[in-house]
Amino acid sequence: MYKILKNELIGQNIYELDVLAPLVVDKCLPGQFVIVMAYNTSERIPLTIYDYDKETGILKMIYQTVGASTLELTEVKKELFSVVGPLGNPSDLVTNIDECSGKSLLFVAGGVGIAPVYPQVKYLHEHGVDVDCLYGVKSASYLILEDEIESICNNFYIATDDGSKGYHGLVTDCLKTLDKKYDKCVAIGPVIMMKYVSMLTEELDIPTTVSMNPIMVDGTGMCGACRLLVDGKVKFACVDGPEFDGHKVDFDAAIKRMNIYKTFEGRKYLEKQEGITHHGNCGNCGDK
């Protein structure tokens, strides 16, 4: 069991969940995620690590209520049944921090995608690397972590669909107005947003990394939900990623798969169609 220090609403249907998990925190690096269970009978929920403190052992996560399992999570106030992690691979920028010196970097976040952006920008800032951030949401009521992000960014831009704050329009439209040449872009948010950001940055000749954590379900490569095509090859977001080259990801296939996976019939269809590779080559599901 993991002691809950905070589980509070911080935005529209958006919660911050802080727990005491020193063993998990000890191994954390920006870009990774954990899997939590509210109770022993609950669904396993992959959550991006928003922040952590290696001295105190505090692990911070941010989640949005989108279904029964995340709604159940809001009701837990004292202890979480399980926290597994860290999982996935750390951010490429973090593992290659020496190569970032003198580079012009841009992070593009959509919605709660700002949560996994924060630890990466914080890490880069602590290592003397300046970055710009572009943060897009539906309206101002969905904005979170504004002060935290702005304090560690060189330039911080906000775009809202309804014009309630910052640039009135999509992040892709706002990006076109920035009079600056970037060496690298990292886009994290809804899959459709990452698709169009990647299309634009390819036109602008800006190498782009995307984080495909929105398509995860199981988080360990066993369920097959996060299977995607990258440069024509099958990859699994949870074990091979979550970061990939945005110019090589087949976003249309990923979006189609996400929609199919929402139904029981769709999941069985994918299992039948993909056979043993549906579960990440685990070797244990050929007769299921």
C-alpha atoms as a PDB file:
ATOM      1  CA  MET A   1       0.000   0.000   0.000  1.00  0.00           C
ATOM      2  CA  TYR A   2       1.174   3.514  -0.809  1.00  0.00           C
ATOM      3  CA  LYS A   3       0.307   6.483   1.374  1.00  0.00           C
ATOM      4  CA  ILE A   4      -1.561   9.251  -0.455  1.00  0.00           C
ATOM      5  CA  LEU A   5      -0.373  12.762   0.356  1.00  0.00           C
ATOM      6  CA  LYS A   6      -2.634  14.560  -2.106  1.00  0.00           C
ATOM      7  CA  ASN A   7      -5.453  13.653  -4.468  1.00  0.00           C
ATOM      8  CA  GLU A   8      -7.084  16.941  -5.387  1.00  0.00           C
ATOM      9  CA  LEU A   9      -8.824  18.641  -8.284  1.00  0.00           C
ATOM     10  CA  ILE A  10      -6.474  21.170  -9.931  1.00  0.00           C
ATOM     11  CA  GLY A  11      -8.340  21.882 -13.177  1.00  0.00           C
ATOM     12  CA  GLN A  12     -11.461  20.906 -15.070  1.00  0.00           C
ATOM     13  CA  ASN A  13     -11.715  17.141 -14.426  1.00  0.00           C
ATOM     14  CA  ILE A  14      -7.954  17.119 -13.776  1.00  0.00           C
ATOM     15  CA  TYR A  15      -6.418  15.825 -10.537  1.00  0.00           C
ATOM     16  CA  GLU A  16      -2.979  15.800  -8.959  1.00  0.00           C
ATOM     17  CA  LEU A  17      -2.115  12.579  -7.136  1.00  0.00           C
ATOM     18  CA  ASP A  18       0.912  12.576  -4.802  1.00  0.00           C
ATOM     19  CA  VAL A  19       2.023   9.405  -3.025  1.00  0.00           C
ATOM     20  CA  LEU A  20       4.932   8.260  -0.917  1.00  0.00           C
ATOM     21  CA  ALA A  21       6.859   5.779  -3.084  1.00  0.00           C
ATOM     22  CA  PRO A  22      10.608   6.023  -2.341  1.00  0.00           C
ATOM     23  CA  LEU A  23      11.607   2.821  -4.152  1.00  0.00           C
ATOM     24  CA  VAL A  24       9.852   3.965  -7.331  1.00  0.00           C
ATOM     25  CA  VAL A  25      11.172   7.522  -7.089  1.00  0.00           C
ATOM     26  CA  ASP A  26      14.735   6.315  -6.590  1.00  0.00           C
ATOM     27  CA  LYS A  27      14.812   5.002 -10.168  1.00  0.00           C
ATOM     28  CA  CYS A  28      12.693   7.710 -11.858  1.00  0.00           C
ATOM     29  CA  LEU A  29      13.825   9.752 -14.833  1.00  0.00           C
ATOM     30  CA  PRO A  30      11.760  12.251 -16.881  1.00  0.00           C
ATOM     31  CA  GLY A  31       9.681  10.604 -19.591  1.00  0.00           C
ATOM     32  CA  GLN A  32       8.800   7.458 -17.656  1.00  0.00           C
ATOM     33  CA  PHE A  33       5.446   6.373 -16.252  1.00  0.00           C
ATOM     34  CA  VAL A  34       3.912   4.175 -13.550  1.00  0.00           C
ATOM     35  CA  ILE A  35       0.876   1.906 -13.288  1.00  0.00           C
ATOM     36  CA  VAL A  36      -1.449   2.431 -10.335  1.00  0.00           C
ATOM     37  CA  MET A  37      -4.358   0.505  -8.863  1.00  0.00           C
ATOM     38  CA  ALA A  38      -6.813   2.195  -6.517  1.00  0.00           C
ATOM     39  CA  TYR A  39      -7.872  -1.112  -4.889  1.00  0.00           C
ATOM     40  CA  ASN A  40      -6.897  -4.765  -5.304  1.00  0.00           C
ATOM     41  CA  THR A  41      -9.871  -5.261  -7.633  1.00  0.00           C
ATOM     42  CA  SER A  42      -9.312  -2.090  -9.676  1.00  0.00           C
ATOM     43  CA  GLU A  43      -8.192  -1.683 -13.251  1.00  0.00           C
ATOM     44  CA  ARG A  44      -4.503  -0.977 -13.809  1.00  0.00           C
ATOM     45  CA  ILE A  45      -4.079   2.639 -14.931  1.00  0.00           C
ATOM     46  CA  PRO A  46      -0.873   3.906 -16.607  1.00  0.00           C
ATOM     47  CA  LEU A  47      -0.057   7.438 -15.383  1.00  0.00           C
ATOM     48  CA  THR A  48       2.759   9.704 -16.476  1.00  0.00           C
ATOM     49  CA  ILE A  49       5.152  10.847 -13.769  1.00  0.00           C
ATOM     50  CA  TYR A  50       4.659  14.585 -13.345  1.00  0.00           C
ATOM     51  CA  ASP A  51       7.327  15.198 -10.701  1.00  0.00           C
ATOM     52  CA  TYR A  52       9.298  13.436  -8.003  1.00  0.00           C
ATOM     53  CA  ASP A  53      11.615  14.160  -5.091  1.00  0.00           C
ATOM     54  CA  LYS A  54      14.383  11.649  -4.503  1.00  0.00           C
ATOM     55  CA  GLU A  55      15.084  12.994  -0.993  1.00  0.00           C
ATOM     56  CA  THR A  56      11.538  12.697   0.332  1.00  0.00           C
ATOM     57  CA  GLY A  57      10.383   9.809  -1.882  1.00  0.00           C
ATOM     58  CA  ILE A  58       7.315  11.747  -3.035  1.00  0.00           C
ATOM     59  CA  LEU A  59       5.933  10.754  -6.442  1.00  0.00           C
ATOM     60  CA  LYS A  60       3.557  13.162  -8.211  1.00  0.00           C
ATOM     61  CA  MET A  61       1.127  12.245 -11.004  1.00  0.00           C
ATOM     62  CA  ILE A  62      -1.597  14.058 -12.887  1.00  0.00           C
ATOM     63  CA  TYR A  63      -4.657  12.385 -14.377  1.00  0.00           C
ATOM     64  CA  GLN A  64      -7.928  13.335 -16.035  1.00  0.00           C
ATOM     65  CA  THR A  65     -11.244  11.629 -15.322  1.00  0.00           C
ATOM     66  CA  VAL A  66     -12.281   9.973 -18.584  1.00  0.00           C
ATOM     67  CA  GLY A  67     -13.990   6.798 -17.381  1.00  0.00           C
ATOM     68  CA  ALA A  68     -15.054   4.651 -14.440  1.00  0.00           C
ATOM     69  CA  SER A  69     -11.521   3.710 -13.348  1.00  0.00           C
ATOM     70  CA  THR A  70     -10.169   7.260 -13.186  1.00  0.00           C
ATOM     71  CA  LEU A  71     -13.380   8.380 -11.486  1.00  0.00           C
ATOM     72  CA  GLU A  72     -12.835   5.651  -8.891  1.00  0.00           C
ATOM     73  CA  LEU A  73      -9.292   6.937  -8.409  1.00  0.00           C
ATOM     74  CA  THR A  74     -10.613  10.356  -7.332  1.00  0.00           C
ATOM     75  CA  GLU A  75     -12.390   8.728  -4.378  1.00  0.00           C
ATOM     76  CA  VAL A  76      -9.235   7.224  -2.839  1.00  0.00           C
ATOM     77  CA  LYS A  77      -7.848   9.499  -0.127  1.00  0.00           C
ATOM     78  CA  LYS A  78      -5.584   7.475   2.184  1.00  0.00           C
ATOM     79  CA  GLU A  79      -3.767   4.691   0.342  1.00  0.00           C
ATOM     80  CA  LEU A  80      -3.263   3.318  -3.145  1.00  0.00           C
ATOM     81  CA  PHE A  81      -3.229  -0.447  -3.443  1.00  0.00           C
ATOM     82  CA  SER A  82      -0.384  -0.506  -5.984  1.00  0.00           C
ATOM     83  CA  VAL A  83       2.185   1.661  -7.751  1.00  0.00           C
ATOM     84  CA  VAL A  84       4.419  -0.156 -10.259  1.00  0.00           C
ATOM     85  CA  GLY A  85       7.334   1.519 -11.980  1.00  0.00           C
ATOM     86  CA  PRO A  86       9.096   3.379 -13.255  1.00  0.00           C
ATOM     87  CA  LEU A  87       8.198   1.905 -16.655  1.00  0.00           C
ATOM     88  CA  GLY A  88       9.058   2.886 -20.202  1.00  0.00           C
ATOM     89  CA  ASN A  89      12.230   4.556 -21.381  1.00  0.00           C
ATOM     90  CA  PRO A  90      13.455   7.946 -20.155  1.00  0.00           C
ATOM     91  CA  SER A  91      13.308  10.957 -22.440  1.00  0.00           C
ATOM     92  CA  ASP A  92      15.930  10.911 -25.172  1.00  0.00           C
ATOM     93  CA  LEU A  93      16.860  14.502 -24.291  1.00  0.00           C
ATOM     94  CA  VAL A  94      17.558  13.456 -20.710  1.00  0.00           C
ATOM     95  CA  THR A  95      19.744  10.507 -21.634  1.00  0.00           C
ATOM     96  CA  ASN A  96      21.623  12.653 -24.154  1.00  0.00           C
ATOM     97  CA  ILE A  97      21.740  15.863 -22.134  1.00  0.00           C
ATOM     98  CA  ASP A  98      25.263  16.758 -23.304  1.00  0.00           C
ATOM     99  CA  GLU A  99      24.032  17.012 -26.892  1.00  0.00           C
ATOM    100  CA  CYS A 100      21.419  19.627 -25.928  1.00  0.00           C
ATOM    101  CA  SER A 101      23.898  22.383 -25.126  1.00  0.00           C
ATOM    102  CA  GLY A 102      23.428  25.350 -27.444  1.00  0.00           C
ATOM    103  CA  LYS A 103      20.380  23.793 -29.130  1.00  0.00           C
ATOM    104  CA  SER A 104      17.068  25.589 -29.615  1.00  0.00           C
ATOM    105  CA  LEU A 105      14.379  23.276 -28.227  1.00  0.00           C
ATOM    106  CA  LEU A 106      10.585  23.523 -28.315  1.00  0.00           C
ATOM    107  CA  PHE A 107       8.063  21.518 -26.300  1.00  0.00           C
ATOM    108  CA  VAL A 108       4.468  21.437 -27.546  1.00  0.00           C
ATOM    109  CA  ALA A 109       1.946  20.212 -24.974  1.00  0.00           C
ATOM    110  CA  GLY A 110      -1.755  19.535 -25.433  1.00  0.00           C
ATOM    111  CA  GLY A 111      -4.137  19.225 -22.474  1.00  0.00           C
ATOM    112  CA  VAL A 112      -2.754  17.016 -19.699  1.00  0.00           C
ATOM    113  CA  GLY A 113       0.271  16.431 -21.933  1.00  0.00           C
ATOM    114  CA  ILE A 114       1.771  19.326 -19.990  1.00  0.00           C
ATOM    115  CA  ALA A 115       2.315  16.873 -17.092  1.00  0.00           C
ATOM    116  CA  PRO A 116       4.996  14.738 -18.815  1.00  0.00           C
ATOM    117  CA  VAL A 117       6.455  17.896 -20.385  1.00  0.00           C
ATOM    118  CA  TYR A 118       7.143  19.462 -16.988  1.00  0.00           C
ATOM    119  CA  PRO A 119       9.770  16.999 -15.630  1.00  0.00           C
ATOM    120  CA  GLN A 120      11.674  17.068 -18.915  1.00  0.00           C
ATOM    121  CA  VAL A 121      11.778  20.857 -19.066  1.00  0.00           C
ATOM    122  CA  LYS A 122      12.701  20.985 -15.374  1.00  0.00           C
ATOM    123  CA  TYR A 123      15.576  18.544 -15.906  1.00  0.00           C
ATOM    124  CA  LEU A 124      16.867  20.497 -18.898  1.00  0.00           C
ATOM    125  CA  HIS A 125      16.559  23.781 -16.981  1.00  0.00           C
ATOM    126  CA  GLU A 126      18.532  22.339 -14.053  1.00  0.00           C
ATOM    127  CA  HIS A 127      21.276  21.375 -16.512  1.00  0.00           C
ATOM    128  CA  GLY A 128      21.494  24.826 -18.068  1.00  0.00           C
ATOM    129  CA  VAL A 129      19.479  24.113 -21.223  1.00  0.00           C
ATOM    130  CA  ASP A 130      16.901  26.760 -22.165  1.00  0.00           C
ATOM    131  CA  VAL A 131      13.708  25.652 -23.887  1.00  0.00           C
ATOM    132  CA  ASP A 132      10.504  27.212 -25.194  1.00  0.00           C
ATOM    133  CA  CYS A 133       7.080  25.754 -24.414  1.00  0.00           C
ATOM    134  CA  LEU A 134       3.817  25.979 -26.351  1.00  0.00           C
ATOM    135  CA  TYR A 135       0.782  24.810 -24.386  1.00  0.00           C
ATOM    136  CA  GLY A 136      -2.617  24.289 -26.005  1.00  0.00           C
ATOM    137  CA  VAL A 137      -5.983  23.567 -24.366  1.00  0.00           C
ATOM    138  CA  LYS A 138      -9.698  23.896 -25.176  1.00  0.00           C
ATOM    139  CA  SER A 139     -10.177  26.889 -22.895  1.00  0.00           C
ATOM    140  CA  ALA A 140      -8.508  28.657 -19.961  1.00  0.00           C
ATOM    141  CA  SER A 141     -10.352  26.463 -17.432  1.00  0.00           C
ATOM    142  CA  TYR A 142      -8.268  23.476 -18.590  1.00  0.00           C
ATOM    143  CA  LEU A 143      -4.905  25.153 -17.950  1.00  0.00           C
ATOM    144  CA  ILE A 144      -2.713  23.627 -15.238  1.00  0.00           C
ATOM    145  CA  LEU A 145       0.891  24.107 -14.081  1.00  0.00           C
ATOM    146  CA  GLU A 146       1.142  27.533 -15.741  1.00  0.00           C
ATOM    147  CA  ASP A 147       3.368  29.114 -13.101  1.00  0.00           C
ATOM    148  CA  GLU A 148       5.525  26.008 -12.731  1.00  0.00           C
ATOM    149  CA  ILE A 149       6.197  25.735 -16.460  1.00  0.00           C
ATOM    150  CA  GLU A 150       6.681  29.454 -17.054  1.00  0.00           C
ATOM    151  CA  SER A 151       9.313  29.644 -14.295  1.00  0.00           C
ATOM    152  CA  ILE A 152      11.577  27.127 -16.072  1.00  0.00           C
ATOM    153  CA  CYS A 153      10.995  28.134 -19.709  1.00  0.00           C
ATOM    154  CA  ASN A 154      12.787  30.678 -21.835  1.00  0.00           C
ATOM    155  CA  ASN A 155       9.540  31.523 -23.662  1.00  0.00           C
ATOM    156  CA  PHE A 156       6.090  30.248 -22.698  1.00  0.00           C
ATOM    157  CA  TYR A 157       3.200  30.421 -25.161  1.00  0.00           C
ATOM    158  CA  ILE A 158      -0.441  29.528 -24.494  1.00  0.00           C
ATOM    159  CA  ALA A 159      -3.026  28.722 -27.169  1.00  0.00           C
ATOM    160  CA  THR A 160      -6.720  28.140 -26.467  1.00  0.00           C
ATOM    161  CA  ASP A 161      -9.304  26.869 -28.928  1.00  0.00           C
ATOM    162  CA  ASP A 162     -11.849  29.437 -27.769  1.00  0.00           C
ATOM    163  CA  GLY A 163      -9.446  32.354 -27.339  1.00  0.00           C
ATOM    164  CA  SER A 164     -10.101  32.641 -23.599  1.00  0.00           C
ATOM    165  CA  LYS A 165      -6.361  33.042 -22.977  1.00  0.00           C
ATOM    166  CA  GLY A 166      -3.270  33.527 -25.108  1.00  0.00           C
ATOM    167  CA  TYR A 167      -3.347  32.771 -28.824  1.00  0.00           C
ATOM    168  CA  HIS A 168      -6.815  32.100 -30.240  1.00  0.00           C
ATOM    169  CA  GLY A 169      -6.450  28.865 -32.154  1.00  0.00           C
ATOM    170  CA  LEU A 170      -4.627  25.553 -32.367  1.00  0.00           C
ATOM    171  CA  VAL A 171      -1.019  24.970 -31.338  1.00  0.00           C
ATOM    172  CA  THR A 172      -0.110  24.318 -34.966  1.00  0.00           C
ATOM    173  CA  ASP A 173      -1.417  27.750 -35.975  1.00  0.00           C
ATOM    174  CA  CYS A 174       0.416  29.371 -33.071  1.00  0.00           C
ATOM    175  CA  LEU A 175       3.630  27.545 -33.979  1.00  0.00           C
ATOM    176  CA  LYS A 176       3.498  29.071 -37.449  1.00  0.00           C
ATOM    177  CA  THR A 177       3.604  32.551 -35.901  1.00  0.00           C
ATOM    178  CA  LEU A 178       6.790  31.923 -33.897  1.00  0.00           C
ATOM    179  CA  ASP A 179       9.637  33.696 -35.620  1.00  0.00           C
ATOM    180  CA  LYS A 180      12.305  31.239 -34.528  1.00  0.00           C
ATOM    181  CA  LYS A 181      14.114  28.263 -35.982  1.00  0.00           C
ATOM    182  CA  TYR A 182      14.136  25.249 -33.658  1.00  0.00           C
ATOM    183  CA  ASP A 183      16.635  22.393 -33.700  1.00  0.00           C
ATOM    184  CA  LYS A 184      14.238  19.959 -32.030  1.00  0.00           C
ATOM    185  CA  CYS A 185      10.559  19.690 -31.125  1.00  0.00           C
ATOM    186  CA  VAL A 186       8.951  17.415 -28.541  1.00  0.00           C
ATOM    187  CA  ALA A 187       5.167  17.073 -28.795  1.00  0.00           C
ATOM    188  CA  ILE A 188       3.089  15.435 -26.053  1.00  0.00           C
ATOM    189  CA  GLY A 189      -0.700  15.373 -25.893  1.00  0.00           C
ATOM    190  CA  PRO A 190      -3.694  13.910 -27.739  1.00  0.00           C
ATOM    191  CA  VAL A 191      -2.667  11.661 -30.632  1.00  0.00           C
ATOM    192  CA  ILE A 192      -4.471  13.831 -33.176  1.00  0.00           C
ATOM    193  CA  MET A 193      -2.574  16.891 -31.942  1.00  0.00           C
ATOM    194  CA  MET A 194       0.773  15.106 -32.174  1.00  0.00           C
ATOM    195  CA  LYS A 195      -0.113  14.019 -35.701  1.00  0.00           C
ATOM    196  CA  TYR A 196      -0.675  17.553 -36.965  1.00  0.00           C
ATOM    197  CA  VAL A 197       2.280  18.985 -35.061  1.00  0.00           C
ATOM    198  CA  SER A 198       4.488  16.329 -36.667  1.00  0.00           C
ATOM    199  CA  MET A 199       3.089  17.100 -40.118  1.00  0.00           C
ATOM    200  CA  LEU A 200       3.894  20.782 -39.636  1.00  0.00           C
ATOM    201  CA  THR A 201       7.368  20.254 -38.217  1.00  0.00           C
ATOM    202  CA  GLU A 202       8.194  17.940 -41.109  1.00  0.00           C
ATOM    203  CA  GLU A 203       7.336  20.816 -43.457  1.00  0.00           C
ATOM    204  CA  LEU A 204       9.484  23.126 -41.336  1.00  0.00           C
ATOM    205  CA  ASP A 205      12.332  20.589 -41.248  1.00  0.00           C
ATOM    206  CA  ILE A 206      12.341  20.328 -37.443  1.00  0.00           C
ATOM    207  CA  PRO A 207      13.218  16.873 -36.020  1.00  0.00           C
ATOM    208  CA  THR A 208      10.313  15.872 -33.763  1.00  0.00           C
ATOM    209  CA  THR A 209       9.778  13.417 -30.945  1.00  0.00           C
ATOM    210  CA  VAL A 210       6.293  12.385 -29.823  1.00  0.00           C
ATOM    211  CA  SER A 211       5.224  10.501 -26.703  1.00  0.00           C
ATOM    212  CA  MET A 212       2.646   7.820 -27.503  1.00  0.00           C
ATOM    213  CA  ASN A 213       1.457   7.230 -23.928  1.00  0.00           C
ATOM    214  CA  PRO A 214      -2.203   8.131 -24.717  1.00  0.00           C
ATOM    215  CA  ILE A 215      -2.688   4.768 -26.435  1.00  0.00           C
ATOM    216  CA  MET A 216      -1.562   2.612 -23.486  1.00  0.00           C
ATOM    217  CA  VAL A 217      -3.842   0.304 -21.506  1.00  0.00           C
ATOM    218  CA  ASP A 218      -1.804  -2.433 -19.825  1.00  0.00           C
ATOM    219  CA  GLY A 219       1.556  -0.663 -19.817  1.00  0.00           C
ATOM    220  CA  THR A 220       3.748  -3.777 -19.988  1.00  0.00           C
ATOM    221  CA  GLY A 221       3.473  -4.910 -23.622  1.00  0.00           C
ATOM    222  CA  MET A 222       1.023  -7.706 -22.826  1.00  0.00           C
ATOM    223  CA  CYS A 223      -2.371  -6.284 -23.842  1.00  0.00           C
ATOM    224  CA  GLY A 224      -1.375  -5.123 -27.312  1.00  0.00           C
ATOM    225  CA  ALA A 225      -3.380  -1.891 -27.146  1.00  0.00           C
ATOM    226  CA  CYS A 226      -0.363   0.328 -27.711  1.00  0.00           C
ATOM    227  CA  ARG A 227       0.871  -1.530 -30.789  1.00  0.00           C
ATOM    228  CA  LEU A 228       1.775   0.952 -33.518  1.00  0.00           C
ATOM    229  CA  LEU A 229       3.749   1.250 -36.729  1.00  0.00           C
ATOM    230  CA  VAL A 230       6.947   3.295 -36.709  1.00  0.00           C
ATOM    231  CA  ASP A 231       8.777   3.493 -40.026  1.00  0.00           C
ATOM    232  CA  GLY A 232       6.744   0.466 -41.125  1.00  0.00           C
ATOM    233  CA  LYS A 233       7.814  -1.664 -38.144  1.00  0.00           C
ATOM    234  CA  VAL A 234       5.630  -2.869 -35.271  1.00  0.00           C
ATOM    235  CA  LYS A 235       6.432  -1.210 -31.951  1.00  0.00           C
ATOM    236  CA  PHE A 236       4.762  -1.102 -28.534  1.00  0.00           C
ATOM    237  CA  ALA A 237       4.541   2.301 -26.894  1.00  0.00           C
ATOM    238  CA  CYS A 238       4.920   1.027 -23.336  1.00  0.00           C
ATOM    239  CA  VAL A 239       8.081  -1.061 -23.780  1.00  0.00           C
ATOM    240  CA  ASP A 240       9.696   0.409 -26.913  1.00  0.00           C
ATOM    241  CA  GLY A 241       8.688   3.989 -26.086  1.00  0.00           C
ATOM    242  CA  PRO A 242       6.845   5.990 -25.119  1.00  0.00           C
ATOM    243  CA  GLU A 243       8.949   8.316 -27.309  1.00  0.00           C
ATOM    244  CA  PHE A 244       9.229   7.868 -31.074  1.00  0.00           C
ATOM    245  CA  ASP A 245      10.209   9.860 -34.142  1.00  0.00           C
ATOM    246  CA  GLY A 246       7.058  11.825 -34.938  1.00  0.00           C
ATOM    247  CA  HIS A 247       7.864  11.840 -38.649  1.00  0.00           C
ATOM    248  CA  LYS A 248       7.902   8.038 -38.758  1.00  0.00           C
ATOM    249  CA  VAL A 249       4.814   7.189 -36.669  1.00  0.00           C
ATOM    250  CA  ASP A 250       1.741   6.003 -38.576  1.00  0.00           C
ATOM    251  CA  PHE A 251      -0.753   8.172 -36.695  1.00  0.00           C
ATOM    252  CA  ASP A 252      -3.742   7.167 -38.802  1.00  0.00           C
ATOM    253  CA  ALA A 253      -3.209   3.502 -37.930  1.00  0.00           C
ATOM    254  CA  ALA A 254      -2.750   4.389 -34.242  1.00  0.00           C
ATOM    255  CA  ILE A 255      -5.963   6.408 -34.144  1.00  0.00           C
ATOM    256  CA  LYS A 256      -7.912   3.665 -35.923  1.00  0.00           C
ATOM    257  CA  ARG A 257      -6.572   1.104 -33.468  1.00  0.00           C
ATOM    258  CA  MET A 258      -7.520   3.248 -30.471  1.00  0.00           C
ATOM    259  CA  ASN A 259     -11.102   3.477 -31.716  1.00  0.00           C
ATOM    260  CA  ILE A 260     -11.350  -0.269 -32.382  1.00  0.00           C
ATOM    261  CA  TYR A 261      -9.868  -1.135 -28.972  1.00  0.00           C
ATOM    262  CA  LYS A 262     -12.651   0.699 -27.124  1.00  0.00           C
ATOM    263  CA  THR A 263     -15.076  -2.199 -27.647  1.00  0.00           C
ATOM    264  CA  PHE A 264     -14.879  -5.848 -26.608  1.00  0.00           C
ATOM    265  CA  GLU A 265     -15.659  -6.924 -30.171  1.00  0.00           C
ATOM    266  CA  GLY A 266     -12.876  -4.705 -31.453  1.00  0.00           C
ATOM    267  CA  ARG A 267     -10.323  -6.158 -29.048  1.00  0.00           C
ATOM    268  CA  LYS A 268     -11.230  -9.719 -30.028  1.00  0.00           C
ATOM    269  CA  TYR A 269     -11.001  -8.729 -33.693  1.00  0.00           C
ATOM    270  CA  LEU A 270      -7.470  -7.410 -33.202  1.00  0.00           C
ATOM    271  CA  GLU A 271      -6.427 -10.531 -31.273  1.00  0.00           C
ATOM    272  CA  LYS A 272      -7.733 -12.742 -34.100  1.00  0.00           C
ATOM    273  CA  GLN A 273      -6.116 -10.631 -36.787  1.00  0.00           C
ATOM    274  CA  GLU A 274      -2.706 -10.196 -35.149  1.00  0.00           C
ATOM    275  CA  GLY A 275      -2.268 -13.523 -33.398  1.00  0.00           C
ATOM    276  CA  ILE A 276       0.720 -13.893 -31.116  1.00  0.00           C
ATOM    277  CA  THR A 277       2.138 -10.469 -31.998  1.00  0.00           C
ATOM    278  CA  HIS A 278      -0.976  -8.816 -30.559  1.00  0.00           C
ATOM    279  CA  HIS A 279       0.497  -9.187 -27.073  1.00  0.00           C
ATOM    280  CA  GLY A 280       3.985  -7.946 -27.770  1.00  0.00           C
ATOM    281  CA  ASN A 281       5.510 -11.340 -28.618  1.00  0.00           C
ATOM    282  CA  CYS A 282       4.993 -12.538 -25.041  1.00  0.00           C
ATOM    283  CA  GLY A 283       4.774 -16.111 -26.318  1.00  0.00           C
ATOM    284  CA  ASN A 284       1.963 -16.981 -23.941  1.00  0.00           C
ATOM    285  CA  CYS A 285      -1.136 -16.037 -25.879  1.00  0.00           C
ATOM    286  CA  GLY A 286      -1.055 -18.107 -29.047  1.00  0.00           C
ATOM    287  CA  ASP A 287      -3.951 -20.299 -27.910  1.00  0.00           C
ATOM    288  CA  LYS A 288      -6.110 -17.523 -26.402  1.00  0.00           C
END
